[in-house]
């Protein structure tokens, strides 16, 4: 399936990302580009050099068009769960990054105001 973008920009290939859907829209956050090294016996990831993505993308599933809505999702997460509660509100739970979020960390992301805040759910 071929997707498109008016600005000719697309999400880079990544691992550990998360997508959530609401109606005809999907929202992509997080993920990383692993930095792989050969240690002489096998290929392993050097986590200190891996790139964690901080961008947020929306895809319109009817037109298959990507729109980058933010590059300020810091710190970037991998292996997190997310759900869209409404077209303007998304919740993200868990995940790991170079800062090592504590278990139970939850984020609320509001799209209309482009704000992001952390909520500690303990």
PDB file of N, CA and C in Angstrom:
ATOM      1  N   UNK A   1       0.841  -1.162   0.000  1.00  0.00           N
ATOM      2  CA  UNK A   1       0.000   0.000   0.000  1.00  0.00           C
ATOM      3  C   UNK A   1       0.898   1.239   0.000  1.00  0.00           C
ATOM      4  N   UNK A   2       0.695   2.122  -0.922  1.00  0.00           N
ATOM      5  CA  UNK A   2       1.508   3.330  -1.042  1.00  0.00           C
ATOM      6  C   UNK A   2       0.830   4.467  -0.291  1.00  0.00           C
ATOM      7  N   UNK A   3       1.605   5.147   0.562  1.00  0.00           N
ATOM      8  CA  UNK A   3       1.087   6.308   1.271  1.00  0.00           C
ATOM      9  C   UNK A   3       1.671   7.566   0.649  1.00  0.00           C
ATOM     10  N   UNK A   4       1.137   8.725   1.056  1.00  0.00           N
ATOM     11  CA  UNK A   4       1.603   9.975   0.460  1.00  0.00           C
ATOM     12  C   UNK A   4       1.711  11.052   1.527  1.00  0.00           C
ATOM     13  N   UNK A   5       2.284  12.181   1.124  1.00  0.00           N
ATOM     14  CA  UNK A   5       2.435  13.328   2.005  1.00  0.00           C
ATOM     15  C   UNK A   5       2.514  14.583   1.154  1.00  0.00           C
ATOM     16  N   UNK A   6       1.801  15.625   1.546  1.00  0.00           N
ATOM     17  CA  UNK A   6       1.853  16.889   0.790  1.00  0.00           C
ATOM     18  C   UNK A   6       3.226  17.534   0.871  1.00  0.00           C
ATOM     19  N   UNK A   7       3.940  17.281   1.951  1.00  0.00           N
ATOM     20  CA  UNK A   7       5.264  17.873   2.147  1.00  0.00           C
ATOM     21  C   UNK A   7       6.389  16.922   1.746  1.00  0.00           C
ATOM     22  N   UNK A   8       6.017  15.746   1.251  1.00  0.00           N
ATOM     23  CA  UNK A   8       6.982  14.720   0.850  1.00  0.00           C
ATOM     24  C   UNK A   8       7.865  14.264   2.018  1.00  0.00           C
ATOM     25  N   UNK A   9       7.297  14.293   3.227  1.00  0.00           N
ATOM     26  CA  UNK A   9       7.989  13.774   4.402  1.00  0.00           C
ATOM     27  C   UNK A   9       7.161  12.640   4.983  1.00  0.00           C
ATOM     28  N   UNK A  10       7.843  11.624   5.444  1.00  0.00           N
ATOM     29  CA  UNK A  10       7.196  10.422   5.958  1.00  0.00           C
ATOM     30  C   UNK A  10       7.902   9.984   7.239  1.00  0.00           C
ATOM     31  N   UNK A  11       7.226   9.196   8.066  1.00  0.00           N
ATOM     32  CA  UNK A  11       7.920   8.648   9.232  1.00  0.00           C
ATOM     33  C   UNK A  11       9.055   7.732   8.771  1.00  0.00           C
ATOM     34  N   UNK A  12      10.187   7.832   9.450  1.00  0.00           N
ATOM     35  CA  UNK A  12      11.301   6.939   9.132  1.00  0.00           C
ATOM     36  C   UNK A  12      10.994   5.539   9.646  1.00  0.00           C
ATOM     37  N   UNK A  13      11.619   4.534   9.019  1.00  0.00           N
ATOM     38  CA  UNK A  13      11.480   3.162   9.511  1.00  0.00           C
ATOM     39  C   UNK A  13      11.993   3.109  10.939  1.00  0.00           C
ATOM     40  N   UNK A  14      11.323   2.333  11.783  1.00  0.00           N
ATOM     41  CA  UNK A  14      11.669   2.261  13.197  1.00  0.00           C
ATOM     42  C   UNK A  14      11.188   0.964  13.804  1.00  0.00           C
ATOM     43  N   UNK A  15      11.646   0.669  14.999  1.00  0.00           N
ATOM     44  CA  UNK A  15      11.170  -0.480  15.771  1.00  0.00           C
ATOM     45  C   UNK A  15      10.651   0.041  17.100  1.00  0.00           C
ATOM     46  N   UNK A  16       9.725  -0.689  17.708  1.00  0.00           N
ATOM     47  CA  UNK A  16       9.236  -0.339  19.030  1.00  0.00           C
ATOM     48  C   UNK A  16       8.267   0.820  19.073  1.00  0.00           C
ATOM     49  N   UNK A  17       7.758   1.226  17.921  1.00  0.00           N
ATOM     50  CA  UNK A  17       6.797   2.331  17.873  1.00  0.00           C
ATOM     51  C   UNK A  17       5.424   1.862  18.330  1.00  0.00           C
ATOM     52  N   UNK A  18       4.489   2.799  18.456  1.00  0.00           N
ATOM     53  CA  UNK A  18       3.121   2.449  18.813  1.00  0.00           C
ATOM     54  C   UNK A  18       2.163   3.248  17.943  1.00  0.00           C
ATOM     55  N   UNK A  19       1.046   2.620  17.596  1.00  0.00           N
ATOM     56  CA  UNK A  19       0.001   3.307  16.835  1.00  0.00           C
ATOM     57  C   UNK A  19      -1.320   3.137  17.556  1.00  0.00           C
ATOM     58  N   UNK A  20      -2.123   4.193  17.506  1.00  0.00           N
ATOM     59  CA  UNK A  20      -3.481   4.159  18.045  1.00  0.00           C
ATOM     60  C   UNK A  20      -4.398   4.721  16.968  1.00  0.00           C
ATOM     61  N   UNK A  21      -5.657   4.295  16.982  1.00  0.00           N
ATOM     62  CA  UNK A  21      -6.597   4.695  15.937  1.00  0.00           C
ATOM     63  C   UNK A  21      -7.864   5.269  16.540  1.00  0.00           C
ATOM     64  N   UNK A  22      -8.404   6.272  15.839  1.00  0.00           N
ATOM     65  CA  UNK A  22      -9.695   6.847  16.193  1.00  0.00           C
ATOM     66  C   UNK A  22     -10.389   7.204  14.881  1.00  0.00           C
ATOM     67  N   UNK A  23     -11.482   6.519  14.606  1.00  0.00           N
ATOM     68  CA  UNK A  23     -12.178   6.777  13.341  1.00  0.00           C
ATOM     69  C   UNK A  23     -11.276   6.482  12.163  1.00  0.00           C
ATOM     70  N   UNK A  24     -11.135   7.452  11.292  1.00  0.00           N
ATOM     71  CA  UNK A  24     -10.328   7.253  10.085  1.00  0.00           C
ATOM     72  C   UNK A  24      -8.863   7.646  10.251  1.00  0.00           C
ATOM     73  N   UNK A  25      -8.443   7.954  11.473  1.00  0.00           N
ATOM     74  CA  UNK A  25      -7.081   8.432  11.704  1.00  0.00           C
ATOM     75  C   UNK A  25      -6.279   7.475  12.575  1.00  0.00           C
ATOM     76  N   UNK A  26      -4.998   7.383  12.259  1.00  0.00           N
ATOM     77  CA  UNK A  26      -4.058   6.637  13.077  1.00  0.00           C
ATOM     78  C   UNK A  26      -2.972   7.577  13.553  1.00  0.00           C
ATOM     79  N   UNK A  27      -2.484   7.363  14.755  1.00  0.00           N
ATOM     80  CA  UNK A  27      -1.440   8.213  15.328  1.00  0.00           C
ATOM     81  C   UNK A  27      -0.229   7.353  15.671  1.00  0.00           C
ATOM     82  N   UNK A  28       0.924   7.726  15.143  1.00  0.00           N
ATOM     83  CA  UNK A  28       2.184   7.019  15.352  1.00  0.00           C
ATOM     84  C   UNK A  28       3.073   7.838  16.280  1.00  0.00           C
ATOM     85  N   UNK A  29       3.583   7.200  17.338  1.00  0.00           N
ATOM     86  CA  UNK A  29       4.546   7.861  18.223  1.00  0.00           C
ATOM     87  C   UNK A  29       5.687   6.905  18.536  1.00  0.00           C
ATOM     88  N   UNK A  30       6.806   7.504  18.895  1.00  0.00           N
ATOM     89  CA  UNK A  30       7.931   6.751  19.426  1.00  0.00           C
ATOM     90  C   UNK A  30       8.630   5.844  18.442  1.00  0.00           C
ATOM     91  N   UNK A  31       9.342   4.900  19.009  1.00  0.00           N
ATOM     92  CA  UNK A  31      10.163   3.996  18.230  1.00  0.00           C
ATOM     93  C   UNK A  31      11.613   4.449  18.244  1.00  0.00           C
ATOM     94  N   UNK A  32      12.454   3.607  17.716  1.00  0.00           N
ATOM     95  CA  UNK A  32      13.872   3.958  17.663  1.00  0.00           C
ATOM     96  C   UNK A  32      14.529   3.338  16.442  1.00  0.00           C
ATOM     97  N   UNK A  33      15.668   3.911  16.101  1.00  0.00           N
ATOM     98  CA  UNK A  33      16.540   3.341  15.074  1.00  0.00           C
ATOM     99  C   UNK A  33      17.707   2.725  15.839  1.00  0.00           C
ATOM    100  N   UNK A  34      17.728   1.390  15.933  1.00  0.00           N
ATOM    101  CA  UNK A  34      18.785   0.753  16.719  1.00  0.00           C
ATOM    102  C   UNK A  34      20.154   0.931  16.070  1.00  0.00           C
ATOM    103  N   UNK A  35      21.168   1.107  16.893  1.00  0.00           N
ATOM    104  CA  UNK A  35      22.554   1.169  16.439  1.00  0.00           C
ATOM    105  C   UNK A  35      23.159  -0.202  16.697  1.00  0.00           C
ATOM    106  N   UNK A  36      23.402  -0.932  15.627  1.00  0.00           N
ATOM    107  CA  UNK A  36      23.863  -2.317  15.744  1.00  0.00           C
ATOM    108  C   UNK A  36      25.381  -2.386  15.559  1.00  0.00           C
ATOM    109  N   UNK A  37      26.015  -3.223  16.368  1.00  0.00           N
ATOM    110  CA  UNK A  37      27.461  -3.428  16.272  1.00  0.00           C
ATOM    111  C   UNK A  37      27.758  -4.925  16.296  1.00  0.00           C
ATOM    112  N   UNK A  38      28.861  -5.287  15.680  1.00  0.00           N
ATOM    113  CA  UNK A  38      29.312  -6.678  15.692  1.00  0.00           C
ATOM    114  C   UNK A  38      30.348  -6.811  16.798  1.00  0.00           C
ATOM    115  N   UNK A  39      30.046  -7.614  17.823  1.00  0.00           N
ATOM    116  CA  UNK A  39      30.980  -7.763  18.948  1.00  0.00           C
ATOM    117  C   UNK A  39      31.991  -8.890  18.725  1.00  0.00           C
ATOM    118  N   UNK A  40      32.055  -9.399  17.516  1.00  0.00           N
ATOM    119  CA  UNK A  40      32.995 -10.469  17.189  1.00  0.00           C
ATOM    120  C   UNK A  40      32.347 -11.831  17.116  1.00  0.00           C
ATOM    121  N   UNK A  41      31.274 -12.025  17.869  1.00  0.00           N
ATOM    122  CA  UNK A  41      30.567 -13.304  17.837  1.00  0.00           C
ATOM    123  C   UNK A  41      29.130 -13.164  17.355  1.00  0.00           C
ATOM    124  N   UNK A  42      28.560 -11.981  17.547  1.00  0.00           N
ATOM    125  CA  UNK A  42      27.179 -11.753  17.104  1.00  0.00           C
ATOM    126  C   UNK A  42      26.944 -10.253  16.943  1.00  0.00           C
ATOM    127  N   UNK A  43      25.842  -9.918  16.302  1.00  0.00           N
ATOM    128  CA  UNK A  43      25.459  -8.514  16.136  1.00  0.00           C
ATOM    129  C   UNK A  43      24.519  -8.149  17.279  1.00  0.00           C
ATOM    130  N   UNK A  44      24.865  -7.082  17.998  1.00  0.00           N
ATOM    131  CA  UNK A  44      24.069  -6.644  19.148  1.00  0.00           C
ATOM    132  C   UNK A  44      23.803  -5.146  19.037  1.00  0.00           C
ATOM    133  N   UNK A  45      22.829  -4.681  19.807  1.00  0.00           N
ATOM    134  CA  UNK A  45      22.504  -3.259  19.802  1.00  0.00           C
ATOM    135  C   UNK A  45      23.326  -2.514  20.846  1.00  0.00           C
ATOM    136  N   UNK A  46      23.878  -1.369  20.447  1.00  0.00           N
ATOM    137  CA  UNK A  46      24.523  -0.450  21.387  1.00  0.00           C
ATOM    138  C   UNK A  46      23.464   0.583  21.768  1.00  0.00           C
ATOM    139  N   UNK A  47      22.781   0.359  22.899  1.00  0.00           N
ATOM    140  CA  UNK A  47      21.655   1.203  23.297  1.00  0.00           C
ATOM    141  C   UNK A  47      22.052   2.661  23.480  1.00  0.00           C
ATOM    142  N   UNK A  48      23.282   2.928  23.873  1.00  0.00           N
ATOM    143  CA  UNK A  48      23.706   4.310  24.106  1.00  0.00           C
ATOM    144  C   UNK A  48      23.790   5.109  22.812  1.00  0.00           C
ATOM    145  N   UNK A  49      23.850   4.424  21.669  1.00  0.00           N
ATOM    146  CA  UNK A  49      23.952   5.120  20.385  1.00  0.00           C
ATOM    147  C   UNK A  49      22.696   4.992  19.537  1.00  0.00           C
ATOM    148  N   UNK A  50      21.688   4.295  20.045  1.00  0.00           N
ATOM    149  CA  UNK A  50      20.430   4.176  19.304  1.00  0.00           C
ATOM    150  C   UNK A  50      19.700   5.512  19.326  1.00  0.00           C
ATOM    151  N   UNK A  51      18.967   5.803  18.249  1.00  0.00           N
ATOM    152  CA  UNK A  51      18.231   7.067  18.136  1.00  0.00           C
ATOM    153  C   UNK A  51      16.772   6.846  18.515  1.00  0.00           C
ATOM    154  N   UNK A  52      16.286   7.581  19.516  1.00  0.00           N
ATOM    155  CA  UNK A  52      14.891   7.512  19.941  1.00  0.00           C
ATOM    156  C   UNK A  52      14.121   8.634  19.259  1.00  0.00           C
ATOM    157  N   UNK A  53      13.066   8.279  18.531  1.00  0.00           N
ATOM    158  CA  UNK A  53      12.291   9.275  17.796  1.00  0.00           C
ATOM    159  C   UNK A  53      11.389  10.075  18.729  1.00  0.00           C
ATOM    160  N   UNK A  54      11.288  11.376  18.470  1.00  0.00           N
ATOM    161  CA  UNK A  54      10.445  12.279  19.257  1.00  0.00           C
ATOM    162  C   UNK A  54       9.317  12.860  18.414  1.00  0.00           C
ATOM    163  N   UNK A  55       9.099  12.290  17.239  1.00  0.00           N
ATOM    164  CA  UNK A  55       8.075  12.830  16.343  1.00  0.00           C
ATOM    165  C   UNK A  55       6.731  12.135  16.547  1.00  0.00           C
ATOM    166  N   UNK A  56       5.672  12.832  16.154  1.00  0.00           N
ATOM    167  CA  UNK A  56       4.309  12.308  16.199  1.00  0.00           C
ATOM    168  C   UNK A  56       3.690  12.514  14.824  1.00  0.00           C
ATOM    169  N   UNK A  57       3.097  11.456  14.286  1.00  0.00           N
ATOM    170  CA  UNK A  57       2.520  11.477  12.945  1.00  0.00           C
ATOM    171  C   UNK A  57       1.067  11.031  12.990  1.00  0.00           C
ATOM    172  N   UNK A  58       0.264  11.621  12.116  1.00  0.00           N
ATOM    173  CA  UNK A  58      -1.120  11.203  11.907  1.00  0.00           C
ATOM    174  C   UNK A  58      -1.230  10.700  10.472  1.00  0.00           C
ATOM    175  N   UNK A  59      -1.933   9.587  10.279  1.00  0.00           N
ATOM    176  CA  UNK A  59      -2.242   9.127   8.928  1.00  0.00           C
ATOM    177  C   UNK A  59      -3.755   9.099   8.766  1.00  0.00           C
ATOM    178  N   UNK A  60      -4.206   9.655   7.663  1.00  0.00           N
ATOM    179  CA  UNK A  60      -5.623   9.609   7.295  1.00  0.00           C
ATOM    180  C   UNK A  60      -5.816   8.307   6.526  1.00  0.00           C
ATOM    181  N   UNK A  61      -6.592   7.396   7.070  1.00  0.00           N
ATOM    182  CA  UNK A  61      -6.738   6.075   6.461  1.00  0.00           C
ATOM    183  C   UNK A  61      -7.579   6.082   5.191  1.00  0.00           C
ATOM    184  N   UNK A  62      -8.316   7.161   4.942  1.00  0.00           N
ATOM    185  CA  UNK A  62      -9.068   7.256   3.685  1.00  0.00           C
ATOM    186  C   UNK A  62      -8.193   7.738   2.541  1.00  0.00           C
ATOM    187  N   UNK A  63      -7.329   8.717   2.817  1.00  0.00           N
ATOM    188  CA  UNK A  63      -6.475   9.265   1.763  1.00  0.00           C
ATOM    189  C   UNK A  63      -5.062   8.682   1.786  1.00  0.00           C
ATOM    190  N   UNK A  64      -4.718   7.957   2.877  1.00  0.00           N
ATOM    191  CA  UNK A  64      -3.376   7.397   3.093  1.00  0.00           C
ATOM    192  C   UNK A  64      -2.305   8.481   3.113  1.00  0.00           C
ATOM    193  N   UNK A  65      -2.667   9.654   3.631  1.00  0.00           N
ATOM    194  CA  UNK A  65      -1.736  10.779   3.710  1.00  0.00           C
ATOM    195  C   UNK A  65      -1.187  10.926   5.128  1.00  0.00           C
ATOM    196  N   UNK A  66       0.149  11.052   5.220  1.00  0.00           N
ATOM    197  CA  UNK A  66       0.831  11.284   6.491  1.00  0.00           C
ATOM    198  C   UNK A  66       0.950  12.776   6.759  1.00  0.00           C
ATOM    199  N   UNK A  67       0.765  13.161   8.024  1.00  0.00           N
ATOM    200  CA  UNK A  67       0.961  14.540   8.454  1.00  0.00           C
ATOM    201  C   UNK A  67       1.781  14.505   9.738  1.00  0.00           C
ATOM    202  N   UNK A  68       2.916  15.204   9.731  1.00  0.00           N
ATOM    203  CA  UNK A  68       3.736  15.298  10.941  1.00  0.00           C
ATOM    204  C   UNK A  68       3.165  16.421  11.794  1.00  0.00           C
ATOM    205  N   UNK A  69       2.744  16.089  13.017  1.00  0.00           N
ATOM    206  CA  UNK A  69       2.110  17.118  13.842  1.00  0.00           C
ATOM    207  C   UNK A  69       3.013  17.617  14.963  1.00  0.00           C
ATOM    208  N   UNK A  70       4.099  16.921  15.235  1.00  0.00           N
ATOM    209  CA  UNK A  70       4.981  17.367  16.313  1.00  0.00           C
ATOM    210  C   UNK A  70       6.335  16.690  16.198  1.00  0.00           C
ATOM    211  N   UNK A  71       7.353  17.389  16.672  1.00  0.00           N
ATOM    212  CA  UNK A  71       8.676  16.792  16.824  1.00  0.00           C
ATOM    213  C   UNK A  71       9.166  17.071  18.238  1.00  0.00           C
ATOM    214  N   UNK A  72       8.205  17.145  19.159  1.00  0.00           N
ATOM    215  CA  UNK A  72       8.516  17.550  20.521  1.00  0.00           C
ATOM    216  C   UNK A  72       8.030  16.530  21.543  1.00  0.00           C
ATOM    217  N   UNK A  73       7.996  15.267  21.176  1.00  0.00           N
ATOM    218  CA  UNK A  73       7.538  14.213  22.072  1.00  0.00           C
ATOM    219  C   UNK A  73       8.748  13.685  22.833  1.00  0.00           C
ATOM    220  N   UNK A  74       9.133  14.414  23.882  1.00  0.00           N
ATOM    221  CA  UNK A  74      10.385  14.082  24.564  1.00  0.00           C
ATOM    222  C   UNK A  74      10.116  13.613  25.975  1.00  0.00           C
ATOM    223  N   UNK A  75      10.893  12.676  26.452  1.00  0.00           N
ATOM    224  CA  UNK A  75      11.855  11.908  25.660  1.00  0.00           C
ATOM    225  C   UNK A  75      11.150  10.861  24.817  1.00  0.00           C
ATOM    226  N   UNK A  76      11.772  10.464  23.732  1.00  0.00           N
ATOM    227  CA  UNK A  76      11.181   9.458  22.859  1.00  0.00           C
ATOM    228  C   UNK A  76      11.000   8.123  23.571  1.00  0.00           C
ATOM    229  N   UNK A  77       9.943   7.417  23.229  1.00  0.00           N
ATOM    230  CA  UNK A  77       9.623   6.142  23.871  1.00  0.00           C
ATOM    231  C   UNK A  77       9.695   4.985  22.887  1.00  0.00           C
ATOM    232  N   UNK A  78       9.938   3.800  23.419  1.00  0.00           N
ATOM    233  CA  UNK A  78       9.805   2.556  22.662  1.00  0.00           C
ATOM    234  C   UNK A  78       9.028   1.569  23.513  1.00  0.00           C
ATOM    235  N   UNK A  79       8.363   0.643  22.853  1.00  0.00           N
ATOM    236  CA  UNK A  79       7.629  -0.446  23.503  1.00  0.00           C
ATOM    237  C   UNK A  79       6.588   0.069  24.503  1.00  0.00           C
ATOM    238  N   UNK A  80       5.862   1.092  24.102  1.00  0.00           N
ATOM    239  CA  UNK A  80       4.820   1.689  24.929  1.00  0.00           C
ATOM    240  C   UNK A  80       3.453   1.351  24.349  1.00  0.00           C
ATOM    241  N   UNK A  81       2.423   1.539  25.150  1.00  0.00           N
ATOM    242  CA  UNK A  81       1.042   1.335  24.701  1.00  0.00           C
ATOM    243  C   UNK A  81       0.361   2.694  24.638  1.00  0.00           C
ATOM    244  N   UNK A  82      -0.545   2.852  23.682  1.00  0.00           N
ATOM    245  CA  UNK A  82      -1.274   4.113  23.590  1.00  0.00           C
ATOM    246  C   UNK A  82      -2.675   3.861  23.084  1.00  0.00           C
ATOM    247  N   UNK A  83      -3.570   4.761  23.462  1.00  0.00           N
ATOM    248  CA  UNK A  83      -4.945   4.700  22.987  1.00  0.00           C
ATOM    249  C   UNK A  83      -5.446   6.112  22.758  1.00  0.00           C
ATOM    250  N   UNK A  84      -6.228   6.281  21.713  1.00  0.00           N
ATOM    251  CA  UNK A  84      -6.842   7.583  21.448  1.00  0.00           C
ATOM    252  C   UNK A  84      -8.237   7.573  22.051  1.00  0.00           C
ATOM    253  N   UNK A  85      -8.470   8.512  22.955  1.00  0.00           N
ATOM    254  CA  UNK A  85      -9.755   8.636  23.628  1.00  0.00           C
ATOM    255  C   UNK A  85     -10.727   9.463  22.792  1.00  0.00           C
ATOM    256  N   UNK A  86     -10.176  10.404  22.030  1.00  0.00           N
ATOM    257  CA  UNK A  86     -10.953  11.265  21.136  1.00  0.00           C
ATOM    258  C   UNK A  86      -9.991  11.758  20.062  1.00  0.00           C
ATOM    259  N   UNK A  87     -10.474  12.498  19.063  1.00  0.00           N
ATOM    260  CA  UNK A  87      -9.545  13.005  18.049  1.00  0.00           C
ATOM    261  C   UNK A  87      -8.493  13.963  18.622  1.00  0.00           C
ATOM    262  N   UNK A  88      -8.753  14.539  19.786  1.00  0.00           N
ATOM    263  CA  UNK A  88      -7.816  15.499  20.373  1.00  0.00           C
ATOM    264  C   UNK A  88      -7.043  14.965  21.577  1.00  0.00           C
ATOM    265  N   UNK A  89      -7.371  13.760  22.060  1.00  0.00           N
ATOM    266  CA  UNK A  89      -6.795  13.292  23.314  1.00  0.00           C
ATOM    267  C   UNK A  89      -6.296  11.850  23.203  1.00  0.00           C
ATOM    268  N   UNK A  90      -5.050  11.646  23.630  1.00  0.00           N
ATOM    269  CA  UNK A  90      -4.452  10.321  23.597  1.00  0.00           C
ATOM    270  C   UNK A  90      -3.736  10.074  24.927  1.00  0.00           C
ATOM    271  N   UNK A  91      -3.768   8.820  25.366  1.00  0.00           N
ATOM    272  CA  UNK A  91      -3.047   8.410  26.568  1.00  0.00           C
ATOM    273  C   UNK A  91      -1.973   7.405  26.180  1.00  0.00           C
ATOM    274  N   UNK A  92      -0.797   7.562  26.788  1.00  0.00           N
ATOM    275  CA  UNK A  92       0.338   6.685  26.519  1.00  0.00           C
ATOM    276  C   UNK A  92       0.832   6.136  27.851  1.00  0.00           C
ATOM    277  N   UNK A  93       1.024   4.819  27.900  1.00  0.00           N
ATOM    278  CA  UNK A  93       1.432   4.180  29.143  1.00  0.00           C
ATOM    279  C   UNK A  93       2.730   3.409  28.957  1.00  0.00           C
ATOM    280  N   UNK A  94       3.601   3.542  29.945  1.00  0.00           N
ATOM    281  CA  UNK A  94       4.804   2.726  29.992  1.00  0.00           C
ATOM    282  C   UNK A  94       5.825   3.081  28.938  1.00  0.00           C
ATOM    283  N   UNK A  95       6.553   2.081  28.531  1.00  0.00           N
ATOM    284  CA  UNK A  95       7.610   2.270  27.557  1.00  0.00           C
ATOM    285  C   UNK A  95       8.950   2.492  28.239  1.00  0.00           C
ATOM    286  N   UNK A  96       9.988   2.439  27.432  1.00  0.00           N
ATOM    287  CA  UNK A  96      11.335   2.687  27.944  1.00  0.00           C
ATOM    288  C   UNK A  96      12.043   3.644  27.009  1.00  0.00           C
ATOM    289  N   UNK A  97      13.053   4.307  27.533  1.00  0.00           N
ATOM    290  CA  UNK A  97      13.898   5.191  26.741  1.00  0.00           C
ATOM    291  C   UNK A  97      15.236   5.321  27.441  1.00  0.00           C
ATOM    292  N   UNK A  98      16.060   6.208  26.958  1.00  0.00           N
ATOM    293  CA  UNK A  98      17.382   6.359  27.558  1.00  0.00           C
ATOM    294  C   UNK A  98      17.303   6.918  28.972  1.00  0.00           C
ATOM    295  N   UNK A  99      16.187   7.560  29.332  1.00  0.00           N
ATOM    296  CA  UNK A  99      16.029   8.095  30.684  1.00  0.00           C
ATOM    297  C   UNK A  99      15.382   7.101  31.629  1.00  0.00           C
ATOM    298  N   UNK A 100      14.873   5.992  31.103  1.00  0.00           N
ATOM    299  CA  UNK A 100      14.243   4.923  31.882  1.00  0.00           C
ATOM    300  C   UNK A 100      13.083   5.433  32.736  1.00  0.00           C
ATOM    301  N   UNK A 101      11.945   5.665  32.088  1.00  0.00           N
ATOM    302  CA  UNK A 101      10.740   6.052  32.820  1.00  0.00           C
ATOM    303  C   UNK A 101      10.424   5.013  33.878  1.00  0.00           C
ATOM    304  N   UNK A 102       9.964   5.435  35.046  1.00  0.00           N
ATOM    305  CA  UNK A 102       9.580   4.453  36.062  1.00  0.00           C
ATOM    306  C   UNK A 102       8.310   3.724  35.654  1.00  0.00           C
ATOM    307  N   UNK A 103       8.143   2.484  36.099  1.00  0.00           N
ATOM    308  CA  UNK A 103       6.905   1.760  35.801  1.00  0.00           C
ATOM    309  C   UNK A 103       5.706   2.562  36.300  1.00  0.00           C
ATOM    310  N   UNK A 104       4.654   2.553  35.544  1.00  0.00           N
ATOM    311  CA  UNK A 104       3.449   3.276  35.930  1.00  0.00           C
ATOM    312  C   UNK A 104       3.367   4.673  35.360  1.00  0.00           C
ATOM    313  N   UNK A 105       4.357   5.102  34.589  1.00  0.00           N
ATOM    314  CA  UNK A 105       4.302   6.436  34.010  1.00  0.00           C
ATOM    315  C   UNK A 105       3.231   6.493  32.933  1.00  0.00           C
ATOM    316  N   UNK A 106       2.430   7.528  32.963  1.00  0.00           N
ATOM    317  CA  UNK A 106       1.377   7.699  31.965  1.00  0.00           C
ATOM    318  C   UNK A 106       1.412   9.127  31.451  1.00  0.00           C
ATOM    319  N   UNK A 107       1.259   9.279  30.144  1.00  0.00           N
ATOM    320  CA  UNK A 107       1.243  10.605  29.528  1.00  0.00           C
ATOM    321  C   UNK A 107      -0.127  10.869  28.930  1.00  0.00           C
ATOM    322  N   UNK A 108      -0.527  12.114  29.026  1.00  0.00           N
ATOM    323  CA  UNK A 108      -1.740  12.577  28.355  1.00  0.00           C
ATOM    324  C   UNK A 108      -1.294  13.545  27.269  1.00  0.00           C
ATOM    325  N   UNK A 109      -1.694  13.301  26.042  1.00  0.00           N
ATOM    326  CA  UNK A 109      -1.307  14.148  24.919  1.00  0.00           C
ATOM    327  C   UNK A 109      -2.566  14.780  24.350  1.00  0.00           C
ATOM    328  N   UNK A 110      -2.581  16.116  24.305  1.00  0.00           N
ATOM    329  CA  UNK A 110      -3.701  16.861  23.747  1.00  0.00           C
ATOM    330  C   UNK A 110      -3.253  17.460  22.426  1.00  0.00           C
ATOM    331  N   UNK A 111      -3.939  17.124  21.349  1.00  0.00           N
ATOM    332  CA  UNK A 111      -3.514  17.565  20.026  1.00  0.00           C
ATOM    333  C   UNK A 111      -3.918  18.989  19.691  1.00  0.00           C
ATOM    334  N   UNK A 112      -5.062  19.457  20.164  1.00  0.00           N
ATOM    335  CA  UNK A 112      -5.516  20.799  19.792  1.00  0.00           C
ATOM    336  C   UNK A 112      -4.540  21.873  20.244  1.00  0.00           C
ATOM    337  N   UNK A 113      -3.991  21.730  21.445  1.00  0.00           N
ATOM    338  CA  UNK A 113      -3.079  22.745  21.955  1.00  0.00           C
ATOM    339  C   UNK A 113      -1.618  22.321  21.827  1.00  0.00           C
ATOM    340  N   UNK A 114      -1.394  21.161  21.237  1.00  0.00           N
ATOM    341  CA  UNK A 114      -0.044  20.605  21.084  1.00  0.00           C
ATOM    342  C   UNK A 114       0.677  20.513  22.425  1.00  0.00           C
ATOM    343  N   UNK A 115      -0.078  20.282  23.495  1.00  0.00           N
ATOM    344  CA  UNK A 115       0.559  20.181  24.808  1.00  0.00           C
ATOM    345  C   UNK A 115       0.770  18.721  25.169  1.00  0.00           C
ATOM    346  N   UNK A 116       1.683  18.506  26.069  1.00  0.00           N
ATOM    347  CA  UNK A 116       1.982  17.157  26.536  1.00  0.00           C
ATOM    348  C   UNK A 116       2.292  17.261  28.017  1.00  0.00           C
ATOM    349  N   UNK A 117       1.684  16.422  28.804  1.00  0.00           N
ATOM    350  CA  UNK A 117       1.997  16.423  30.226  1.00  0.00           C
ATOM    351  C   UNK A 117       2.091  14.996  30.729  1.00  0.00           C
ATOM    352  N   UNK A 118       2.893  14.802  31.752  1.00  0.00           N
ATOM    353  CA  UNK A 118       3.018  13.481  32.364  1.00  0.00           C
ATOM    354  C   UNK A 118       2.084  13.377  33.555  1.00  0.00           C
ATOM    355  N   UNK A 119       1.494  12.213  33.723  1.00  0.00           N
ATOM    356  CA  UNK A 119       0.635  11.930  34.860  1.00  0.00           C
ATOM    357  C   UNK A 119       1.210  10.701  35.537  1.00  0.00           C
ATOM    358  N   UNK A 120       1.464  10.780  36.812  1.00  0.00           N
ATOM    359  CA  UNK A 120       1.995   9.629  37.529  1.00  0.00           C
ATOM    360  C   UNK A 120       0.827   8.846  38.099  1.00  0.00           C
ATOM    361  N   UNK A 121       0.594   7.647  37.585  1.00  0.00           N
ATOM    362  CA  UNK A 121      -0.523   6.808  38.007  1.00  0.00           C
ATOM    363  C   UNK A 121       0.015   5.721  38.924  1.00  0.00           C
ATOM    364  N   UNK A 122       0.012   5.941  40.216  1.00  0.00           N
ATOM    365  CA  UNK A 122       0.505   4.929  41.168  1.00  0.00           C
ATOM    366  C   UNK A 122      -0.579   4.532  42.094  1.00  0.00           C
TER     367      UNK A 122
END
